[in-house]
Amino acid sequence: MSLTGLGVAAFSAVLLAPAVALADPQPGCTAADMANVATGVAASTSGYLYAHPDVNEFYTDLRNRPDDEVPEAVRSFFDGNPQAHSDLLGLRQPLTDFRARCGLPQPERPLLDQ
């Protein structure tokens, strides 16, 4: 997996994006279930960003960059901060697990604008 990242707004969009509709969802795979998982991921991510002011500042400053520069800036940041990349992927894991368990597609770039 290539090192990609997220902007705070982009990450929020990932968490709150509606799930692909399932004709007959399995137990635990409803929209409410996804919202519950996404809420937990969002809360954990918020706590992480408050506890890591350097990471929080980096993502906050992304809003000052042109959109086409954001992906490379994030890749570069994670190249220099692999632990932050690993931490954020770990925080997002419950959403990844939910999608896998419920037969929903995984985003190609889970930490960048999906």
PDB file of N, CA and C in Angstrom:
ATOM      1  N   MET A   1       0.854  -1.172   0.000  1.00  0.00           N
ATOM      2  CA  MET A   1       0.000   0.000   0.000  1.00  0.00           C
ATOM      3  C   MET A   1       0.894   1.228   0.000  1.00  0.00           C
ATOM      4  N   SER A   2       0.613   2.161  -0.861  1.00  0.00           N
ATOM      5  CA  SER A   2       1.384   3.387  -0.891  1.00  0.00           C
ATOM      6  C   SER A   2       0.997   4.242   0.303  1.00  0.00           C
ATOM      7  N   LEU A   3       1.926   5.092   0.698  1.00  0.00           N
ATOM      8  CA  LEU A   3       1.646   5.978   1.825  1.00  0.00           C
ATOM      9  C   LEU A   3       0.804   7.137   1.329  1.00  0.00           C
ATOM     10  N   THR A   4      -0.431   7.140   1.770  1.00  0.00           N
ATOM     11  CA  THR A   4      -1.320   8.255   1.436  1.00  0.00           C
ATOM     12  C   THR A   4      -1.892   8.797   2.725  1.00  0.00           C
ATOM     13  N   GLY A   5      -2.523   9.889   2.666  1.00  0.00           N
ATOM     14  CA  GLY A   5      -3.024  10.508   3.875  1.00  0.00           C
ATOM     15  C   GLY A   5      -4.406  11.054   3.739  1.00  0.00           C
ATOM     16  N   LEU A   6      -4.707  11.913   4.652  1.00  0.00           N
ATOM     17  CA  LEU A   6      -6.037  12.474   4.665  1.00  0.00           C
ATOM     18  C   LEU A   6      -5.978  13.920   5.078  1.00  0.00           C
ATOM     19  N   GLY A   7      -6.910  14.676   4.614  1.00  0.00           N
ATOM     20  CA  GLY A   7      -7.164  15.999   5.142  1.00  0.00           C
ATOM     21  C   GLY A   7      -8.291  15.839   6.138  1.00  0.00           C
ATOM     22  N   VAL A   8      -8.362  16.681   7.103  1.00  0.00           N
ATOM     23  CA  VAL A   8      -9.397  16.542   8.121  1.00  0.00           C
ATOM     24  C   VAL A   8     -10.780  16.499   7.489  1.00  0.00           C
ATOM     25  N   ALA A   9     -11.061  17.386   6.575  1.00  0.00           N
ATOM     26  CA  ALA A   9     -12.380  17.390   5.934  1.00  0.00           C
ATOM     27  C   ALA A   9     -12.579  16.138   5.101  1.00  0.00           C
ATOM     28  N   ALA A  10     -11.552  15.716   4.397  1.00  0.00           N
ATOM     29  CA  ALA A  10     -11.667  14.513   3.567  1.00  0.00           C
ATOM     30  C   ALA A  10     -11.926  13.294   4.435  1.00  0.00           C
ATOM     31  N   PHE A  11     -11.232  13.212   5.566  1.00  0.00           N
ATOM     32  CA  PHE A  11     -11.413  12.068   6.443  1.00  0.00           C
ATOM     33  C   PHE A  11     -12.837  12.050   7.000  1.00  0.00           C
ATOM     34  N   SER A  12     -13.335  13.206   7.363  1.00  0.00           N
ATOM     35  CA  SER A  12     -14.712  13.278   7.853  1.00  0.00           C
ATOM     36  C   SER A  12     -15.691  12.804   6.792  1.00  0.00           C
ATOM     37  N   ALA A  13     -15.425  13.163   5.542  1.00  0.00           N
ATOM     38  CA  ALA A  13     -16.306  12.724   4.456  1.00  0.00           C
ATOM     39  C   ALA A  13     -16.307  11.214   4.334  1.00  0.00           C
ATOM     40  N   VAL A  14     -15.149  10.593   4.554  1.00  0.00           N
ATOM     41  CA  VAL A  14     -15.057   9.126   4.507  1.00  0.00           C
ATOM     42  C   VAL A  14     -15.946   8.523   5.582  1.00  0.00           C
ATOM     43  N   LEU A  15     -15.844   9.079   6.747  1.00  0.00           N
ATOM     44  CA  LEU A  15     -16.567   8.503   7.875  1.00  0.00           C
ATOM     45  C   LEU A  15     -18.069   8.632   7.726  1.00  0.00           C
ATOM     46  N   LEU A  16     -18.515   9.701   7.126  1.00  0.00           N
ATOM     47  CA  LEU A  16     -19.941   9.973   7.066  1.00  0.00           C
ATOM     48  C   LEU A  16     -20.574   9.618   5.729  1.00  0.00           C
ATOM     49  N   ALA A  17     -19.765   9.130   4.794  1.00  0.00           N
ATOM     50  CA  ALA A  17     -20.309   8.763   3.478  1.00  0.00           C
ATOM     51  C   ALA A  17     -21.264   7.592   3.639  1.00  0.00           C
ATOM     52  N   PRO A  18     -22.372   7.605   2.918  1.00  0.00           N
ATOM     53  CA  PRO A  18     -23.319   6.505   3.047  1.00  0.00           C
ATOM     54  C   PRO A  18     -22.735   5.214   2.500  1.00  0.00           C
ATOM     55  N   ALA A  19     -23.141   4.121   3.094  1.00  0.00           N
ATOM     56  CA  ALA A  19     -22.700   2.804   2.637  1.00  0.00           C
ATOM     57  C   ALA A  19     -23.410   2.455   1.338  1.00  0.00           C
ATOM     58  N   VAL A  20     -22.784   1.585   0.573  1.00  0.00           N
ATOM     59  CA  VAL A  20     -23.442   1.057  -0.615  1.00  0.00           C
ATOM     60  C   VAL A  20     -24.664   0.285  -0.136  1.00  0.00           C
ATOM     61  N   ALA A  21     -25.806   0.529  -0.731  1.00  0.00           N
ATOM     62  CA  ALA A  21     -27.049  -0.107  -0.288  1.00  0.00           C
ATOM     63  C   ALA A  21     -26.997  -1.609  -0.535  1.00  0.00           C
ATOM     64  N   LEU A  22     -27.393  -2.353   0.455  1.00  0.00           N
ATOM     65  CA  LEU A  22     -27.496  -3.802   0.337  1.00  0.00           C
ATOM     66  C   LEU A  22     -28.972  -4.150   0.292  1.00  0.00           C
ATOM     67  N   ALA A  23     -29.334  -5.040  -0.613  1.00  0.00           N
ATOM     68  CA  ALA A  23     -30.743  -5.414  -0.766  1.00  0.00           C
ATOM     69  C   ALA A  23     -31.303  -5.984   0.522  1.00  0.00           C
ATOM     70  N   ASP A  24     -30.574  -6.868   1.150  1.00  0.00           N
ATOM     71  CA  ASP A  24     -31.014  -7.502   2.393  1.00  0.00           C
ATOM     72  C   ASP A  24     -29.825  -7.520   3.344  1.00  0.00           C
ATOM     73  N   PRO A  25     -29.602  -6.423   4.076  1.00  0.00           N
ATOM     74  CA  PRO A  25     -28.393  -6.341   4.891  1.00  0.00           C
ATOM     75  C   PRO A  25     -28.353  -7.417   5.973  1.00  0.00           C
ATOM     76  N   GLN A  26     -27.141  -7.886   6.215  1.00  0.00           N
ATOM     77  CA  GLN A  26     -26.923  -8.842   7.292  1.00  0.00           C
ATOM     78  C   GLN A  26     -27.175  -8.139   8.619  1.00  0.00           C
ATOM     79  N   PRO A  27     -27.437  -8.909   9.663  1.00  0.00           N
ATOM     80  CA  PRO A  27     -27.532  -8.276  10.986  1.00  0.00           C
ATOM     81  C   PRO A  27     -26.230  -7.532  11.293  1.00  0.00           C
ATOM     82  N   GLY A  28     -26.355  -6.344  11.807  1.00  0.00           N
ATOM     83  CA  GLY A  28     -25.184  -5.545  12.139  1.00  0.00           C
ATOM     84  C   GLY A  28     -24.605  -4.784  10.958  1.00  0.00           C
ATOM     85  N   CYS A  29     -25.301  -4.763   9.831  1.00  0.00           N
ATOM     86  CA  CYS A  29     -24.800  -4.091   8.624  1.00  0.00           C
ATOM     87  C   CYS A  29     -25.751  -3.015   8.128  1.00  0.00           C
ATOM     88  N   THR A  30     -26.505  -2.422   9.016  1.00  0.00           N
ATOM     89  CA  THR A  30     -27.441  -1.370   8.621  1.00  0.00           C
ATOM     90  C   THR A  30     -26.734  -0.019   8.575  1.00  0.00           C
ATOM     91  N   ALA A  31     -27.429   0.955   8.053  1.00  0.00           N
ATOM     92  CA  ALA A  31     -26.890   2.317   8.028  1.00  0.00           C
ATOM     93  C   ALA A  31     -26.601   2.801   9.452  1.00  0.00           C
ATOM     94  N   ALA A  32     -27.457   2.447  10.390  1.00  0.00           N
ATOM     95  CA  ALA A  32     -27.235   2.845  11.786  1.00  0.00           C
ATOM     96  C   ALA A  32     -25.969   2.199  12.339  1.00  0.00           C
ATOM     97  N   ASP A  33     -25.740   0.938  11.969  1.00  0.00           N
ATOM     98  CA  ASP A  33     -24.523   0.259  12.421  1.00  0.00           C
ATOM     99  C   ASP A  33     -23.282   0.944  11.860  1.00  0.00           C
ATOM    100  N   MET A  34     -23.353   1.308  10.584  1.00  0.00           N
ATOM    101  CA  MET A  34     -22.209   1.985   9.979  1.00  0.00           C
ATOM    102  C   MET A  34     -21.978   3.341  10.643  1.00  0.00           C
ATOM    103  N   ALA A  35     -23.048   4.066  10.909  1.00  0.00           N
ATOM    104  CA  ALA A  35     -22.912   5.362  11.580  1.00  0.00           C
ATOM    105  C   ALA A  35     -22.289   5.199  12.962  1.00  0.00           C
ATOM    106  N   ASN A  36     -22.661   4.140  13.653  1.00  0.00           N
ATOM    107  CA  ASN A  36     -22.093   3.871  14.970  1.00  0.00           C
ATOM    108  C   ASN A  36     -20.593   3.618  14.878  1.00  0.00           C
ATOM    109  N   VAL A  37     -20.178   2.796  13.926  1.00  0.00           N
ATOM    110  CA  VAL A  37     -18.751   2.514  13.737  1.00  0.00           C
ATOM    111  C   VAL A  37     -18.015   3.792  13.342  1.00  0.00           C
ATOM    112  N   ALA A  38     -18.587   4.536  12.402  1.00  0.00           N
ATOM    113  CA  ALA A  38     -17.959   5.764  11.942  1.00  0.00           C
ATOM    114  C   ALA A  38     -17.812   6.786  13.069  1.00  0.00           C
ATOM    115  N   THR A  39     -18.795   6.841  13.955  1.00  0.00           N
ATOM    116  CA  THR A  39     -18.728   7.755  15.094  1.00  0.00           C
ATOM    117  C   THR A  39     -17.557   7.406  16.002  1.00  0.00           C
ATOM    118  N   GLY A  40     -17.379   6.122  16.248  1.00  0.00           N
ATOM    119  CA  GLY A  40     -16.247   5.687  17.074  1.00  0.00           C
ATOM    120  C   GLY A  40     -14.911   6.010  16.428  1.00  0.00           C
ATOM    121  N   VAL A  41     -14.812   5.795  15.122  1.00  0.00           N
ATOM    122  CA  VAL A  41     -13.579   6.103  14.402  1.00  0.00           C
ATOM    123  C   VAL A  41     -13.318   7.609  14.436  1.00  0.00           C
ATOM    124  N   ALA A  42     -14.351   8.398  14.232  1.00  0.00           N
ATOM    125  CA  ALA A  42     -14.195   9.853  14.263  1.00  0.00           C
ATOM    126  C   ALA A  42     -13.746  10.331  15.644  1.00  0.00           C
ATOM    127  N   ALA A  43     -14.330   9.785  16.694  1.00  0.00           N
ATOM    128  CA  ALA A  43     -13.949  10.186  18.054  1.00  0.00           C
ATOM    129  C   ALA A  43     -12.497   9.806  18.345  1.00  0.00           C
ATOM    130  N   SER A  44     -12.104   8.613  17.937  1.00  0.00           N
ATOM    131  CA  SER A  44     -10.720   8.179  18.148  1.00  0.00           C
ATOM    132  C   SER A  44      -9.745   9.048  17.367  1.00  0.00           C
ATOM    133  N   THR A  45     -10.121   9.387  16.146  1.00  0.00           N
ATOM    134  CA  THR A  45      -9.258  10.223  15.312  1.00  0.00           C
ATOM    135  C   THR A  45      -9.124  11.618  15.906  1.00  0.00           C
ATOM    136  N   SER A  46     -10.213  12.160  16.402  1.00  0.00           N
ATOM    137  CA  SER A  46     -10.174  13.469  17.045  1.00  0.00           C
ATOM    138  C   SER A  46      -9.221  13.450  18.237  1.00  0.00           C
ATOM    139  N   GLY A  47      -9.357  12.444  19.071  1.00  0.00           N
ATOM    140  CA  GLY A  47      -8.463  12.320  20.222  1.00  0.00           C
ATOM    141  C   GLY A  47      -7.008  12.208  19.806  1.00  0.00           C
ATOM    142  N   TYR A  48      -6.751  11.436  18.764  1.00  0.00           N
ATOM    143  CA  TYR A  48      -5.383  11.273  18.264  1.00  0.00           C
ATOM    144  C   TYR A  48      -4.828  12.614  17.798  1.00  0.00           C
ATOM    145  N   LEU A  49      -5.615  13.358  17.033  1.00  0.00           N
ATOM    146  CA  LEU A  49      -5.137  14.637  16.521  1.00  0.00           C
ATOM    147  C   LEU A  49      -4.879  15.640  17.651  1.00  0.00           C
ATOM    148  N   TYR A  50      -5.724  15.656  18.661  1.00  0.00           N
ATOM    149  CA  TYR A  50      -5.473  16.541  19.806  1.00  0.00           C
ATOM    150  C   TYR A  50      -4.216  16.124  20.555  1.00  0.00           C
ATOM    151  N   ALA A  51      -3.957  14.837  20.626  1.00  0.00           N
ATOM    152  CA  ALA A  51      -2.783  14.331  21.349  1.00  0.00           C
ATOM    153  C   ALA A  51      -1.492  14.453  20.528  1.00  0.00           C
ATOM    154  N   HIS A  52      -1.620  14.692  19.242  1.00  0.00           N
ATOM    155  CA  HIS A  52      -0.464  14.826  18.351  1.00  0.00           C
ATOM    156  C   HIS A  52      -0.566  16.157  17.605  1.00  0.00           C
ATOM    157  N   PRO A  53      -0.216  17.250  18.288  1.00  0.00           N
ATOM    158  CA  PRO A  53      -0.402  18.571  17.697  1.00  0.00           C
ATOM    159  C   PRO A  53       0.325  18.768  16.367  1.00  0.00           C
ATOM    160  N   ASP A  54       1.447  18.083  16.161  1.00  0.00           N
ATOM    161  CA  ASP A  54       2.156  18.218  14.885  1.00  0.00           C
ATOM    162  C   ASP A  54       1.340  17.642  13.733  1.00  0.00           C
ATOM    163  N   VAL A  55       0.693  16.507  13.977  1.00  0.00           N
ATOM    164  CA  VAL A  55      -0.148  15.889  12.948  1.00  0.00           C
ATOM    165  C   VAL A  55      -1.392  16.751  12.732  1.00  0.00           C
ATOM    166  N   ASN A  56      -1.986  17.209  13.814  1.00  0.00           N
ATOM    167  CA  ASN A  56      -3.159  18.070  13.730  1.00  0.00           C
ATOM    168  C   ASN A  56      -2.835  19.345  12.938  1.00  0.00           C
ATOM    169  N   GLU A  57      -1.691  19.946  13.231  1.00  0.00           N
ATOM    170  CA  GLU A  57      -1.303  21.167  12.522  1.00  0.00           C
ATOM    171  C   GLU A  57      -1.095  20.894  11.037  1.00  0.00           C
ATOM    172  N   PHE A  58      -0.462  19.776  10.718  1.00  0.00           N
ATOM    173  CA  PHE A  58      -0.257  19.446   9.309  1.00  0.00           C
ATOM    174  C   PHE A  58      -1.590  19.358   8.576  1.00  0.00           C
ATOM    175  N   TYR A  59      -2.543  18.594   9.131  1.00  0.00           N
ATOM    176  CA  TYR A  59      -3.835  18.437   8.461  1.00  0.00           C
ATOM    177  C   TYR A  59      -4.606  19.745   8.404  1.00  0.00           C
ATOM    178  N   THR A  60      -4.529  20.527   9.443  1.00  0.00           N
ATOM    179  CA  THR A  60      -5.212  21.816   9.453  1.00  0.00           C
ATOM    180  C   THR A  60      -4.653  22.725   8.364  1.00  0.00           C
ATOM    181  N   ASP A  61      -3.343  22.697   8.186  1.00  0.00           N
ATOM    182  CA  ASP A  61      -2.705  23.549   7.187  1.00  0.00           C
ATOM    183  C   ASP A  61      -2.985  23.101   5.750  1.00  0.00           C
ATOM    184  N   LEU A  62      -3.488  21.890   5.559  1.00  0.00           N
ATOM    185  CA  LEU A  62      -3.805  21.435   4.202  1.00  0.00           C
ATOM    186  C   LEU A  62      -4.868  22.311   3.542  1.00  0.00           C
ATOM    187  N   ARG A  63      -5.691  22.933   4.347  1.00  0.00           N
ATOM    188  CA  ARG A  63      -6.757  23.777   3.769  1.00  0.00           C
ATOM    189  C   ARG A  63      -6.188  24.973   3.025  1.00  0.00           C
ATOM    190  N   ASN A  64      -4.933  25.311   3.285  1.00  0.00           N
ATOM    191  CA  ASN A  64      -4.290  26.443   2.611  1.00  0.00           C
ATOM    192  C   ASN A  64      -3.598  26.041   1.313  1.00  0.00           C
ATOM    193  N   ARG A  65      -3.635  24.761   0.974  1.00  0.00           N
ATOM    194  CA  ARG A  65      -2.989  24.280  -0.244  1.00  0.00           C
ATOM    195  C   ARG A  65      -4.022  24.082  -1.347  1.00  0.00           C
ATOM    196  N   PRO A  66      -3.608  24.267  -2.585  1.00  0.00           N
ATOM    197  CA  PRO A  66      -4.509  23.916  -3.697  1.00  0.00           C
ATOM    198  C   PRO A  66      -4.808  22.417  -3.655  1.00  0.00           C
ATOM    199  N   ASP A  67      -6.012  22.040  -4.043  1.00  0.00           N
ATOM    200  CA  ASP A  67      -6.435  20.641  -3.976  1.00  0.00           C
ATOM    201  C   ASP A  67      -5.477  19.691  -4.677  1.00  0.00           C
ATOM    202  N   ASP A  68      -4.921  20.111  -5.793  1.00  0.00           N
ATOM    203  CA  ASP A  68      -4.039  19.215  -6.537  1.00  0.00           C
ATOM    204  C   ASP A  68      -2.702  18.969  -5.835  1.00  0.00           C
ATOM    205  N   GLU A  69      -2.349  19.769  -4.847  1.00  0.00           N
ATOM    206  CA  GLU A  69      -1.110  19.585  -4.096  1.00  0.00           C
ATOM    207  C   GLU A  69      -1.291  18.696  -2.865  1.00  0.00           C
ATOM    208  N   VAL A  70      -2.511  18.494  -2.436  1.00  0.00           N
ATOM    209  CA  VAL A  70      -2.769  17.781  -1.185  1.00  0.00           C
ATOM    210  C   VAL A  70      -2.268  16.333  -1.203  1.00  0.00           C
ATOM    211  N   PRO A  71      -2.572  15.540  -2.239  1.00  0.00           N
ATOM    212  CA  PRO A  71      -2.109  14.145  -2.197  1.00  0.00           C
ATOM    213  C   PRO A  71      -0.595  14.010  -2.029  1.00  0.00           C
ATOM    214  N   GLU A  72       0.173  14.792  -2.766  1.00  0.00           N
ATOM    215  CA  GLU A  72       1.631  14.700  -2.657  1.00  0.00           C
ATOM    216  C   GLU A  72       2.113  15.202  -1.301  1.00  0.00           C
ATOM    217  N   ALA A  73       1.500  16.249  -0.791  1.00  0.00           N
ATOM    218  CA  ALA A  73       1.881  16.758   0.526  1.00  0.00           C
ATOM    219  C   ALA A  73       1.649  15.701   1.599  1.00  0.00           C
ATOM    220  N   VAL A  74       0.535  14.997   1.491  1.00  0.00           N
ATOM    221  CA  VAL A  74       0.206  13.968   2.480  1.00  0.00           C
ATOM    222  C   VAL A  74       1.173  12.792   2.351  1.00  0.00           C
ATOM    223  N   ARG A  75       1.435  12.359   1.108  1.00  0.00           N
ATOM    224  CA  ARG A  75       2.408  11.265   0.913  1.00  0.00           C
ATOM    225  C   ARG A  75       3.755  11.627   1.520  1.00  0.00           C
ATOM    226  N   SER A  76       4.187  12.844   1.259  1.00  0.00           N
ATOM    227  CA  SER A  76       5.470  13.309   1.781  1.00  0.00           C
ATOM    228  C   SER A  76       5.460  13.334   3.310  1.00  0.00           C
ATOM    229  N   PHE A  77       4.351  13.803   3.876  1.00  0.00           N
ATOM    230  CA  PHE A  77       4.242  13.839   5.335  1.00  0.00           C
ATOM    231  C   PHE A  77       4.354  12.435   5.918  1.00  0.00           C
ATOM    232  N   PHE A  78       3.641  11.488   5.338  1.00  0.00           N
ATOM    233  CA  PHE A  78       3.685  10.121   5.855  1.00  0.00           C
ATOM    234  C   PHE A  78       5.024   9.447   5.591  1.00  0.00           C
ATOM    235  N   ASP A  79       5.700   9.810   4.518  1.00  0.00           N
ATOM    236  CA  ASP A  79       7.053   9.284   4.305  1.00  0.00           C
ATOM    237  C   ASP A  79       7.952   9.651   5.472  1.00  0.00           C
ATOM    238  N   GLY A  80       7.790  10.866   5.967  1.00  0.00           N
ATOM    239  CA  GLY A  80       8.590  11.331   7.097  1.00  0.00           C
ATOM    240  C   GLY A  80       8.010  10.976   8.455  1.00  0.00           C
ATOM    241  N   ASN A  81       6.765  10.498   8.480  1.00  0.00           N
ATOM    242  CA  ASN A  81       6.076  10.181   9.733  1.00  0.00           C
ATOM    243  C   ASN A  81       5.331   8.847   9.609  1.00  0.00           C
ATOM    244  N   PRO A  82       6.067   7.754   9.394  1.00  0.00           N
ATOM    245  CA  PRO A  82       5.391   6.469   9.180  1.00  0.00           C
ATOM    246  C   PRO A  82       4.569   6.003  10.375  1.00  0.00           C
ATOM    247  N   GLN A  83       4.948   6.407  11.573  1.00  0.00           N
ATOM    248  CA  GLN A  83       4.165   5.999  12.741  1.00  0.00           C
ATOM    249  C   GLN A  83       2.779   6.634  12.714  1.00  0.00           C
ATOM    250  N   ALA A  84       2.693   7.891  12.293  1.00  0.00           N
ATOM    251  CA  ALA A  84       1.391   8.549  12.187  1.00  0.00           C
ATOM    252  C   ALA A  84       0.525   7.830  11.162  1.00  0.00           C
ATOM    253  N   HIS A  85       1.118   7.426  10.059  1.00  0.00           N
ATOM    254  CA  HIS A  85       0.372   6.683   9.038  1.00  0.00           C
ATOM    255  C   HIS A  85      -0.173   5.392   9.618  1.00  0.00           C
ATOM    256  N   SER A  86       0.693   4.662  10.294  1.00  0.00           N
ATOM    257  CA  SER A  86       0.281   3.395  10.909  1.00  0.00           C
ATOM    258  C   SER A  86      -0.799   3.619  11.964  1.00  0.00           C
ATOM    259  N   ASP A  87      -0.616   4.640  12.785  1.00  0.00           N
ATOM    260  CA  ASP A  87      -1.602   4.942  13.832  1.00  0.00           C
ATOM    261  C   ASP A  87      -2.974   5.248  13.230  1.00  0.00           C
ATOM    262  N   LEU A  88      -3.001   6.088  12.199  1.00  0.00           N
ATOM    263  CA  LEU A  88      -4.273   6.483  11.600  1.00  0.00           C
ATOM    264  C   LEU A  88      -4.950   5.319  10.880  1.00  0.00           C
ATOM    265  N   LEU A  89      -4.168   4.480  10.226  1.00  0.00           N
ATOM    266  CA  LEU A  89      -4.758   3.281   9.628  1.00  0.00           C
ATOM    267  C   LEU A  89      -5.357   2.387  10.713  1.00  0.00           C
ATOM    268  N   GLY A  90      -4.668   2.282  11.834  1.00  0.00           N
ATOM    269  CA  GLY A  90      -5.181   1.481  12.955  1.00  0.00           C
ATOM    270  C   GLY A  90      -6.471   2.046  13.514  1.00  0.00           C
ATOM    271  N   LEU A  91      -6.544   3.357  13.631  1.00  0.00           N
ATOM    272  CA  LEU A  91      -7.765   3.983  14.132  1.00  0.00           C
ATOM    273  C   LEU A  91      -8.936   3.747  13.182  1.00  0.00           C
ATOM    274  N   ARG A  92      -8.645   3.655  11.908  1.00  0.00           N
ATOM    275  CA  ARG A  92      -9.664   3.463  10.890  1.00  0.00           C
ATOM    276  C   ARG A  92     -10.067   1.993  10.721  1.00  0.00           C
ATOM    277  N   GLN A  93      -9.324   1.083  11.345  1.00  0.00           N
ATOM    278  CA  GLN A  93      -9.537  -0.349  11.162  1.00  0.00           C
ATOM    279  C   GLN A  93     -10.976  -0.809  11.433  1.00  0.00           C
ATOM    280  N   PRO A  94     -11.663  -0.305  12.452  1.00  0.00           N
ATOM    281  CA  PRO A  94     -13.057  -0.747  12.638  1.00  0.00           C
ATOM    282  C   PRO A  94     -13.947  -0.473  11.424  1.00  0.00           C
ATOM    283  N   LEU A  95     -13.717   0.618  10.726  1.00  0.00           N
ATOM    284  CA  LEU A  95     -14.493   0.915   9.528  1.00  0.00           C
ATOM    285  C   LEU A  95     -14.121  -0.050   8.399  1.00  0.00           C
ATOM    286  N   THR A  96     -12.841  -0.355   8.283  1.00  0.00           N
ATOM    287  CA  THR A  96     -12.376  -1.340   7.303  1.00  0.00           C
ATOM    288  C   THR A  96     -13.005  -2.700   7.593  1.00  0.00           C
ATOM    289  N   ASP A  97     -12.995  -3.089   8.857  1.00  0.00           N
ATOM    290  CA  ASP A  97     -13.577  -4.376   9.258  1.00  0.00           C
ATOM    291  C   ASP A  97     -15.078  -4.413   8.977  1.00  0.00           C
ATOM    292  N   PHE A  98     -15.772  -3.327   9.277  1.00  0.00           N
ATOM    293  CA  PHE A  98     -17.212  -3.255   9.016  1.00  0.00           C
ATOM    294  C   PHE A  98     -17.482  -3.476   7.532  1.00  0.00           C
ATOM    295  N   ARG A  99     -16.750  -2.754   6.685  1.00  0.00           N
ATOM    296  CA  ARG A  99     -16.957  -2.883   5.243  1.00  0.00           C
ATOM    297  C   ARG A  99     -16.702  -4.318   4.777  1.00  0.00           C
ATOM    298  N   ALA A 100     -15.655  -4.938   5.286  1.00  0.00           N
ATOM    299  CA  ALA A 100     -15.340  -6.317   4.890  1.00  0.00           C
ATOM    300  C   ALA A 100     -16.436  -7.274   5.350  1.00  0.00           C
ATOM    301  N   ARG A 101     -16.859  -7.141   6.588  1.00  0.00           N
ATOM    302  CA  ARG A 101     -17.879  -8.032   7.155  1.00  0.00           C
ATOM    303  C   ARG A 101     -19.223  -7.875   6.449  1.00  0.00           C
ATOM    304  N   CYS A 102     -19.521  -6.674   6.020  1.00  0.00           N
ATOM    305  CA  CYS A 102     -20.822  -6.393   5.425  1.00  0.00           C
ATOM    306  C   CYS A 102     -20.806  -6.424   3.900  1.00  0.00           C
ATOM    307  N   GLY A 103     -19.696  -6.829   3.303  1.00  0.00           N
ATOM    308  CA  GLY A 103     -19.630  -6.960   1.857  1.00  0.00           C
ATOM    309  C   GLY A 103     -19.614  -5.641   1.114  1.00  0.00           C
ATOM    310  N   LEU A 104     -19.117  -4.610   1.741  1.00  0.00           N
ATOM    311  CA  LEU A 104     -19.021  -3.294   1.103  1.00  0.00           C
ATOM    312  C   LEU A 104     -17.627  -3.112   0.527  1.00  0.00           C
ATOM    313  N   PRO A 105     -17.503  -2.398  -0.576  1.00  0.00           N
ATOM    314  CA  PRO A 105     -16.178  -2.202  -1.170  1.00  0.00           C
ATOM    315  C   PRO A 105     -15.291  -1.336  -0.276  1.00  0.00           C
ATOM    316  N   GLN A 106     -14.012  -1.638  -0.315  1.00  0.00           N
ATOM    317  CA  GLN A 106     -13.026  -0.837   0.412  1.00  0.00           C
ATOM    318  C   GLN A 106     -12.551   0.281  -0.508  1.00  0.00           C
ATOM    319  N   PRO A 107     -12.306   1.463   0.032  1.00  0.00           N
ATOM    320  CA  PRO A 107     -11.753   2.534  -0.809  1.00  0.00           C
ATOM    321  C   PRO A 107     -10.335   2.174  -1.258  1.00  0.00           C
ATOM    322  N   GLU A 108      -9.961   2.623  -2.448  1.00  0.00           N
ATOM    323  CA  GLU A 108      -8.611   2.363  -2.952  1.00  0.00           C
ATOM    324  C   GLU A 108      -7.562   3.077  -2.113  1.00  0.00           C
ATOM    325  N   ARG A 109      -7.873   4.276  -1.690  1.00  0.00           N
ATOM    326  CA  ARG A 109      -6.950   5.074  -0.878  1.00  0.00           C
ATOM    327  C   ARG A 109      -7.677   5.426   0.418  1.00  0.00           C
ATOM    328  N   PRO A 110      -7.636   4.551   1.408  1.00  0.00           N
ATOM    329  CA  PRO A 110      -8.494   4.721   2.583  1.00  0.00           C
ATOM    330  C   PRO A 110      -8.260   5.982   3.400  1.00  0.00           C
ATOM    331  N   LEU A 111      -7.120   6.604   3.267  1.00  0.00           N
ATOM    332  CA  LEU A 111      -6.875   7.803   4.060  1.00  0.00           C
ATOM    333  C   LEU A 111      -6.833   9.063   3.226  1.00  0.00           C
ATOM    334  N   LEU A 112      -7.289   8.966   1.983  1.00  0.00           N
ATOM    335  CA  LEU A 112      -7.254  10.149   1.132  1.00  0.00           C
ATOM    336  C   LEU A 112      -8.549  10.284   0.364  1.00  0.00           C
ATOM    337  N   ASP A 113      -9.380  11.155   0.773  1.00  0.00           N
ATOM    338  CA  ASP A 113     -10.605  11.633   0.123  1.00  0.00           C
ATOM    339  C   ASP A 113     -11.589  10.580  -0.367  1.00  0.00           C
ATOM    340  N   GLN A 114     -11.718   9.470   0.301  1.00  0.00           N
ATOM    341  CA  GLN A 114     -12.768   8.523  -0.056  1.00  0.00           C
ATOM    342  C   GLN A 114     -13.760   8.396   1.064  1.00  0.00           C
TER     343      GLN A 114
END
